[in-house]
Every structure is written in structure tokens, then in C-alpha cells.
Amino acid sequence: MNATEDPRASFAATLVDLAATDARVCMVVNDSISSSSAAGFLARFPDRLFDAGIAEQNMVGVAAGLANAGMIPFVCAASCFLTGRALEQIKVDIALSDANVKLCGNSAGFAYGSLGPTHHAIEDIAWMRVLPGLRIAAPSDATETAQAVRAAHEHVGPVFIRLNRIPVPSLQPHTQPFEFGKATELRQGEDVTLFSMGFAAHGALEAASLLAREGIEARVLNMSSLAPLDVKAISRACRETRRLVCVEDHQREGGLFSAVASVVVRGTPVPMLSISVPGVFAPVGSTEDLHALFGLQPEAIATRVAAWLRGLSRPGEAILHG
């Protein structure tokens, strides 16, 4: 089995590298030096790390001020608190003002597990997607995380990066660049397309291998750029595979499924299935138990996709499934 790595470690190492060659790079945190893996940055650049304490609204406001002064702040906090508690400041001080601020939401999805509904970050993409001009990345592994951080640094304008804390093997070759607006094909297939992002991309890819044993060849697209979307890749999947499935550790509404569906209905409508959180608050439980509860484990994904494809042959089957 391939070695695993926490994407946050890759994020932190890349940020240190960028700061070594660009004096404008700084970090703004909310008493989260440990959870943001920022200790190395603090050791190297103590005058460029600003800790606002547990005050996320102030943290985002400080970052906007730093950007106005010519700095490039990377704001690092748990995604549930960054996107929820500071949403107004993100809207007004960052997105509306087109501030050159990079928002980094750590521990997304069910990474906090047993800390419960207050800490599950399963609405964060929905809140961020509606803000005009805000680019959104959800890298799937440590390699892609490093590339996404570099792309965010190069882009002049606001960016939100959604990161998990669960160590995962690499899905991407180290030479694979990250590009906003571009999906990555992880597996070829002509029977159905599985769209995914971030941590969930691993389950989708494993599920595709299980489906192949049943004679179902699934294309797997890593939609790590959520804003802008790769509209061409979605349209091509509609034409070539004619069946689409979105797998995500996020609410069904407002996340990847909603983003892909908004493209599909304007172009080539085809049947779609959502494997996600179906509009409920997730309970307390381990990360593994929550993935099992919502059918995000590879075996459950494969079983549900196979059953759905069989059901599509029945007359009167609905075009959208959640």
C-alpha cells in the first residue's frame, strides 16, 4: 500500500517554501498553530504569523487589512469555524473587496468525527460557492495540496482551499499541476462517471475498481477545482457516459452535486445520483462510522451505483436521485 500523508503537512511545508522567496506571504490563525501545522512557519518567520485568538471574524478582518497593505495572508482555521462564524467578513472584506487573501479551511468533512455536529464541516463549500469571484479548491492528497497552495499564491484575488486532516495516499503524480477550472481524470470509463473531490475522491476511485469486477467501467473525475468548474469535462461526461454520480463528504445541496447539476441542466440533461449527506445534521461518531453511515465507503459506493444503474432501465425512473 502506498505511504499516506496528512495534507496539512504538505500545505505547511509549501507555505514555508513560498515564504522563503516571497516576503509578502504571511499566516493568520485563530489559536490554531498546532491544528494548522504552523509551528514550522512560526519558527522560520515569527514576524509573519499573526494569531487572532479564537476570534474568527477578527482573524478575517486582520487578513483583509494585511492584504490592503500589500501582504499575501493565508488564513488558517478549522473549516467549520472559518466559513460559518466569519461568513459575513469573508463576504464583505474578502470577496466583495476582491482582497488577495487565501482562506484555508482545515479538517473539512467529518475529520473531527466524535466532536459532533458543531465541528463537522459539511456545509462549507455551499457557503463559499455563492460568493462571486471566490476561487475554490478541494485537493485530494498531499501532492495536489502543494500544487493548489502554489496556484492560490500565484492567483491575485481571493481563494478558499478546503483541506482534510486524514492521512491519505497520493492519487496524483508529483508532476501533475493544479489548475483552477480543470478536472483531473483518475480513471477512464464509458459506462458512468464518478465525480468527487478531496478525501472522498479516494473512495470513489476504489469504488470504480470494485465496479469493474461487475463489468461496469466507471470514469473517475477529480473535481478539485470547484470554482471555477471544468464545464468541458462535465459536458463531455454527459455525452460519453450518460450517467453521472457525485460522491462528496458534504451536504447534497450546495456542494459538488449542486455545482455539477447546474451545468448539466443547462446543457445535456442526464440521470444523476448524489452520494452525500442528504440534508440532515450528522450525529456524533468516529470519522469511519460517519463515512459508513452516509455510504461514503468504497464498497457502499459501488453497491449503490450498481443498483442505481440497474434501476435506470425501469420505466418511469426519475432523472435525479439523492
Protein backbone atom coordinates (compact mmCIF):
# COMPACT_ATOMS: atom_id res chain seq x y z
CA MET A 1 0.00 0.00 0.00
CA ASN A 2 1.25 3.49 -0.80
CA ALA A 3 2.50 5.63 2.05
CA THR A 4 -0.02 8.11 3.44
CA GLU A 5 0.46 11.77 4.30
CA ASP A 6 -1.64 14.38 6.09
CA PRO A 7 -2.46 17.11 3.52
CA ARG A 8 -1.93 19.74 6.23
CA ALA A 9 1.76 18.81 6.46
CA SER A 10 2.15 19.35 2.72
CA PHE A 11 0.26 22.63 3.00
CA ALA A 12 2.53 23.87 5.78
CA ALA A 13 5.76 22.83 4.06
CA THR A 14 4.71 24.50 0.81
CA LEU A 15 3.79 27.70 2.62
CA VAL A 16 7.22 27.81 4.26
CA ASP A 17 8.83 27.38 0.84
CA LEU A 18 6.76 30.22 -0.61
CA ALA A 19 7.51 32.50 2.34
CA ALA A 20 11.24 31.89 1.90
CA THR A 21 11.14 33.51 -1.54
CA ASP A 22 8.22 35.95 -1.13
CA ALA A 23 8.33 38.29 1.87
CA ARG A 24 4.64 39.12 1.35
CA VAL A 25 3.49 35.65 2.44
CA CYS A 26 2.17 35.52 6.00
CA MET A 27 -0.20 33.40 8.13
CA VAL A 28 -3.20 34.46 10.19
CA VAL A 29 -4.59 31.87 12.62
CA ASN A 30 -7.20 31.56 15.37
CA ASP A 31 -5.28 29.95 18.21
CA SER A 32 -4.70 27.07 15.76
CA ILE A 33 -0.93 26.87 15.35
CA SER A 34 -0.97 23.16 16.12
CA SER A 35 -4.04 22.15 14.10
CA SER A 36 -2.86 24.28 11.16
CA SER A 37 0.62 22.68 11.31
CA ALA A 38 2.02 26.20 11.56
CA ALA A 39 4.83 25.57 14.07
CA GLY A 40 7.44 25.38 11.31
CA PHE A 41 6.26 28.65 9.80
CA LEU A 42 6.35 30.32 13.22
CA ALA A 43 9.92 29.12 13.80
CA ARG A 44 11.13 30.44 10.45
CA PHE A 45 9.08 33.62 10.20
CA PRO A 46 7.90 34.69 13.67
CA ASP A 47 7.19 38.24 12.50
CA ARG A 48 4.86 36.98 9.76
CA LEU A 49 2.48 34.84 11.80
CA PHE A 50 -0.47 36.62 13.40
CA ASP A 51 -2.61 34.82 15.98
CA ALA A 52 -6.00 36.48 16.44
CA GLY A 53 -7.08 34.04 19.11
CA ILE A 54 -10.48 32.35 18.99
CA ALA A 55 -12.00 35.27 17.12
CA GLU A 56 -12.56 34.17 13.53
CA GLN A 57 -14.32 37.37 12.44
CA ASN A 58 -11.38 39.45 13.68
CA MET A 59 -8.98 36.99 12.04
CA VAL A 60 -10.52 37.52 8.59
CA GLY A 61 -10.62 41.29 9.12
CA VAL A 62 -6.93 41.31 10.06
CA ALA A 63 -6.15 39.33 6.90
CA ALA A 64 -8.05 41.84 4.76
CA GLY A 65 -6.03 44.66 6.32
CA LEU A 66 -2.77 42.82 5.66
CA ALA A 67 -3.79 42.31 2.03
CA ASN A 68 -4.57 46.01 1.71
CA ALA A 69 -1.03 46.68 2.94
CA GLY A 70 0.44 44.50 0.19
CA MET A 71 0.87 41.22 2.07
CA ILE A 72 -0.47 37.82 0.92
CA PRO A 73 -2.15 36.35 4.01
CA PHE A 74 -3.05 32.67 4.30
CA VAL A 75 -5.85 32.42 6.86
CA CYS A 76 -5.81 29.01 8.54
CA ALA A 77 -8.58 27.64 10.76
CA ALA A 78 -10.97 24.73 11.09
CA SER A 79 -13.27 24.94 8.09
CA CYS A 80 -16.43 24.73 10.19
CA PHE A 81 -15.50 27.89 12.10
CA LEU A 82 -13.76 29.80 9.32
CA THR A 83 -16.65 29.53 6.87
CA GLY A 84 -19.51 29.63 9.39
CA ARG A 85 -18.52 32.09 12.07
CA ALA A 86 -16.75 34.55 9.75
CA LEU A 87 -19.05 34.32 6.72
CA GLU A 88 -20.04 37.99 6.74
CA GLN A 89 -16.42 39.10 6.91
CA ILE A 90 -15.49 36.71 4.11
CA LYS A 91 -18.34 38.09 2.01
CA VAL A 92 -17.67 41.80 2.62
CA ASP A 93 -13.97 42.12 3.48
CA ILE A 94 -12.64 39.41 1.15
CA ALA A 95 -14.98 38.53 -1.75
CA LEU A 96 -16.72 41.87 -2.29
CA SER A 97 -13.43 43.72 -1.84
CA ASP A 98 -11.56 41.27 -4.12
CA ALA A 99 -8.88 41.05 -1.44
CA ASN A 100 -5.79 38.96 -2.17
CA VAL A 101 -6.47 36.65 0.78
CA LYS A 102 -6.17 32.87 0.82
CA LEU A 103 -8.68 31.16 3.12
CA CYS A 104 -7.60 27.69 4.24
CA GLY A 105 -10.30 25.58 5.88
CA ASN A 106 -8.69 22.67 7.72
CA SER A 107 -10.29 19.46 8.96
CA ALA A 108 -13.13 19.53 6.45
CA GLY A 109 -15.90 16.97 6.13
CA PHE A 110 -16.06 14.52 9.03
CA ALA A 111 -12.41 14.84 10.02
CA TYR A 112 -13.30 15.91 13.58
CA GLY A 113 -15.50 12.82 13.99
CA SER A 114 -16.68 12.48 17.57
CA LEU A 115 -16.65 16.23 18.26
CA GLY A 116 -20.04 16.22 16.61
CA PRO A 117 -22.29 18.48 14.53
CA THR A 118 -20.68 21.71 15.71
CA HIS A 119 -17.36 20.58 14.20
CA HIS A 120 -18.49 18.72 11.07
CA ALA A 121 -17.62 20.89 8.05
CA ILE A 122 -20.25 19.61 5.63
CA GLU A 123 -21.76 22.97 4.61
CA ASP A 124 -18.56 24.92 3.94
CA ILE A 125 -18.49 24.59 0.15
CA ALA A 126 -22.13 25.67 -0.10
CA TRP A 127 -21.43 28.84 1.86
CA MET A 128 -18.33 29.67 -0.20
CA ARG A 129 -19.70 28.75 -3.64
CA VAL A 130 -22.31 31.52 -3.64
CA LEU A 131 -19.73 34.27 -3.20
CA PRO A 132 -18.83 35.84 -6.56
CA GLY A 133 -15.17 35.89 -7.54
CA LEU A 134 -14.00 33.45 -4.85
CA ARG A 135 -11.98 30.57 -6.29
CA ILE A 136 -12.38 27.24 -4.50
CA ALA A 137 -10.03 24.25 -4.37
CA ALA A 138 -10.56 20.90 -2.63
CA PRO A 139 -7.33 18.94 -3.23
CA SER A 140 -7.44 15.17 -2.88
CA ASP A 141 -3.99 14.43 -1.44
CA ALA A 142 -0.75 15.95 -0.19
CA THR A 143 0.72 16.33 -3.68
CA GLU A 144 -2.30 18.16 -5.03
CA THR A 145 -2.48 20.25 -1.86
CA ALA A 146 1.04 21.58 -2.51
CA GLN A 147 0.12 22.41 -6.10
CA ALA A 148 -3.12 24.10 -5.05
CA VAL A 149 -1.32 26.27 -2.50
CA ARG A 150 1.13 27.40 -5.19
CA ALA A 151 -1.74 28.13 -7.58
CA ALA A 152 -3.51 30.15 -4.88
CA HIS A 153 -0.31 32.13 -4.25
CA GLU A 154 0.04 32.93 -7.95
CA HIS A 155 -3.59 33.99 -8.31
CA VAL A 156 -4.22 37.63 -7.44
CA GLY A 157 -7.56 37.55 -5.66
CA PRO A 158 -9.48 35.59 -3.02
CA VAL A 159 -9.18 31.80 -2.78
CA PHE A 160 -10.71 29.18 -0.47
CA ILE A 161 -8.83 25.88 -0.03
CA ARG A 162 -10.69 23.02 1.65
CA LEU A 163 -8.31 20.63 3.42
CA ASN A 164 -8.76 17.40 5.31
CA ARG A 165 -6.63 16.10 8.17
CA ILE A 166 -6.88 12.41 7.36
CA PRO A 167 -3.62 10.91 6.02
CA VAL A 168 -4.17 9.52 2.51
CA PRO A 169 -2.02 8.01 -0.24
CA SER A 170 -1.17 10.09 -3.27
CA LEU A 171 -3.59 9.96 -6.19
CA GLN A 172 -1.71 12.48 -8.30
CA PRO A 173 1.77 12.21 -9.82
CA HIS A 174 4.16 14.79 -8.38
CA THR A 175 4.44 16.36 -11.82
CA GLN A 176 0.66 16.89 -12.12
CA PRO A 177 -0.05 20.64 -11.89
CA PHE A 178 -3.16 22.04 -10.25
CA GLU A 179 -5.11 24.44 -12.40
CA PHE A 180 -8.25 26.32 -11.43
CA GLY A 181 -11.09 25.34 -13.74
CA LYS A 182 -9.58 21.96 -14.66
CA ALA A 183 -10.65 18.49 -13.54
CA THR A 184 -8.26 15.52 -13.45
CA GLU A 185 -9.23 12.13 -14.86
CA LEU A 186 -8.16 9.48 -12.35
CA ARG A 187 -9.67 6.56 -14.25
CA GLN A 188 -11.09 6.03 -17.72
CA GLY A 189 -14.54 4.57 -18.27
CA GLU A 190 -17.54 4.79 -20.58
CA ASP A 191 -20.45 3.40 -18.52
CA VAL A 192 -20.78 6.04 -15.80
CA THR A 193 -18.79 8.98 -14.45
CA LEU A 194 -17.99 9.34 -10.76
CA PHE A 195 -17.28 12.96 -9.79
CA SER A 196 -15.56 13.56 -6.48
CA MET A 197 -13.16 15.86 -4.63
CA GLY A 198 -10.88 15.97 -1.63
CA PHE A 199 -10.89 12.99 0.71
CA ALA A 200 -13.94 11.46 -0.98
CA ALA A 201 -12.02 11.04 -4.25
CA HIS A 202 -10.19 8.08 -2.70
CA GLY A 203 -13.43 6.23 -2.00
CA ALA A 204 -14.73 6.99 -5.50
CA LEU A 205 -11.59 5.64 -7.14
CA GLU A 206 -11.66 2.44 -5.07
CA ALA A 207 -15.36 2.03 -5.85
CA ALA A 208 -14.59 2.24 -9.57
CA SER A 209 -12.25 -0.74 -9.23
CA LEU A 210 -14.99 -2.71 -7.47
CA LEU A 211 -17.50 -1.79 -10.18
CA ALA A 212 -15.09 -3.05 -12.84
CA ARG A 213 -15.40 -6.53 -11.30
CA GLU A 214 -19.10 -6.36 -12.18
CA GLY A 215 -18.36 -5.28 -15.73
CA ILE A 216 -19.11 -1.60 -15.10
CA GLU A 217 -16.35 0.71 -16.33
CA ALA A 218 -16.55 3.95 -14.35
CA ARG A 219 -14.73 7.12 -15.29
CA VAL A 220 -13.47 8.98 -12.20
CA LEU A 221 -13.03 12.74 -12.33
CA ASN A 222 -11.28 14.59 -9.51
CA MET A 223 -13.14 17.91 -9.32
CA SER A 224 -10.57 19.60 -7.09
CA SER A 225 -11.40 22.96 -8.66
CA LEU A 226 -14.94 23.76 -7.57
CA ALA A 227 -14.91 27.39 -8.65
CA PRO A 228 -14.44 27.73 -11.48
CA LEU A 229 -15.69 24.31 -12.60
CA ASP A 230 -14.37 22.35 -15.55
CA VAL A 231 -17.53 22.74 -17.62
CA LYS A 232 -15.99 20.97 -20.63
CA ALA A 233 -15.19 17.85 -18.59
CA ILE A 234 -18.76 17.74 -17.23
CA SER A 235 -20.30 18.19 -20.67
CA ARG A 236 -18.03 15.53 -22.13
CA ALA A 237 -19.07 13.09 -19.39
CA CYS A 238 -22.74 13.78 -20.19
CA ARG A 239 -22.19 12.93 -23.84
CA GLU A 240 -19.86 9.97 -23.41
CA THR A 241 -21.04 8.14 -20.28
CA ARG A 242 -24.63 9.49 -19.97
CA ARG A 243 -24.80 8.66 -16.25
CA LEU A 244 -23.28 10.85 -13.53
CA VAL A 245 -22.63 10.22 -9.83
CA CYS A 246 -21.31 12.79 -7.35
CA VAL A 247 -19.54 11.49 -4.24
CA GLU A 248 -18.76 14.02 -1.50
CA ASP A 249 -18.33 14.43 2.26
CA HIS A 250 -20.70 17.40 2.18
CA GLN A 251 -24.38 18.19 2.19
CA ARG A 252 -26.14 17.25 -1.04
CA GLU A 253 -27.43 20.78 -1.51
CA GLY A 254 -24.88 23.43 -2.35
CA GLY A 255 -21.85 21.20 -2.81
CA LEU A 256 -20.38 19.22 -5.69
CA PHE A 257 -23.70 17.66 -6.74
CA SER A 258 -25.37 21.07 -6.98
CA ALA A 259 -22.40 22.51 -8.87
CA VAL A 260 -22.31 19.70 -11.45
CA ALA A 261 -26.12 19.63 -11.80
CA SER A 262 -26.18 23.36 -12.56
CA VAL A 263 -24.01 22.64 -15.60
CA VAL A 264 -25.90 19.50 -16.63
CA VAL A 265 -29.37 21.08 -16.69
CA ARG A 266 -28.16 23.91 -18.91
CA GLY A 267 -26.55 21.60 -21.43
CA THR A 268 -27.19 17.87 -21.77
CA PRO A 269 -29.55 16.63 -19.03
CA VAL A 270 -28.74 13.06 -17.98
CA PRO A 271 -29.58 10.95 -14.91
CA MET A 272 -27.61 11.91 -11.80
CA LEU A 273 -27.06 10.26 -8.42
CA SER A 274 -25.83 12.02 -5.27
CA ILE A 275 -23.89 10.09 -2.63
CA SER A 276 -23.54 12.66 0.14
CA VAL A 277 -25.17 13.92 3.33
CA PRO A 278 -28.91 14.00 2.46
CA GLY A 279 -29.96 17.22 4.15
CA VAL A 280 -29.56 16.18 7.79
CA PHE A 281 -27.27 17.12 10.65
CA ALA A 282 -24.67 14.42 11.11
CA PRO A 283 -24.52 12.82 14.57
CA VAL A 284 -21.59 12.25 16.89
CA GLY A 285 -19.40 9.36 15.78
CA SER A 286 -15.95 8.42 14.60
CA THR A 287 -14.91 9.56 11.14
CA GLU A 288 -15.10 5.96 9.91
CA ASP A 289 -18.58 5.44 11.37
CA LEU A 290 -19.87 8.63 9.76
CA HIS A 291 -18.49 7.67 6.37
CA ALA A 292 -20.24 4.32 6.75
CA LEU A 293 -23.50 5.97 7.85
CA PHE A 294 -23.66 8.11 4.72
CA GLY A 295 -22.47 5.44 2.31
CA LEU A 296 -19.10 7.03 1.56
CA GLN A 297 -17.01 3.86 1.89
CA PRO A 298 -15.88 2.23 -1.38
CA GLU A 299 -18.00 -0.90 -1.04
CA ALA A 300 -21.13 1.10 -0.27
CA ILE A 301 -20.49 3.49 -3.17
CA ALA A 302 -20.04 0.60 -5.62
CA THR A 303 -23.13 -1.22 -4.37
CA ARG A 304 -25.33 1.85 -4.63
CA VAL A 305 -24.04 2.86 -8.08
CA ALA A 306 -24.56 -0.65 -9.46
CA ALA A 307 -28.11 -0.81 -8.09
CA TRP A 308 -28.89 2.65 -9.44
CA LEU A 309 -27.65 1.76 -12.92
CA ARG A 310 -29.79 -1.37 -12.92
CA GLY A 311 -32.81 0.66 -11.83
CA LEU A 312 -32.42 3.17 -14.64
CA SER A 313 -33.65 0.54 -17.08
CA ARG A 314 -37.06 0.51 -15.40
CA PRO A 315 -39.77 2.73 -16.95
CA GLY A 316 -40.60 5.90 -15.06
CA GLU A 317 -37.31 6.07 -13.16
CA ALA A 318 -36.60 9.66 -12.00
CA ILE A 319 -33.66 11.52 -13.52
CA LEU A 320 -32.29 12.83 -10.21
CA HIS A 321 -31.52 10.68 -7.17
CA GLY A 322 -30.21 11.62 -3.74
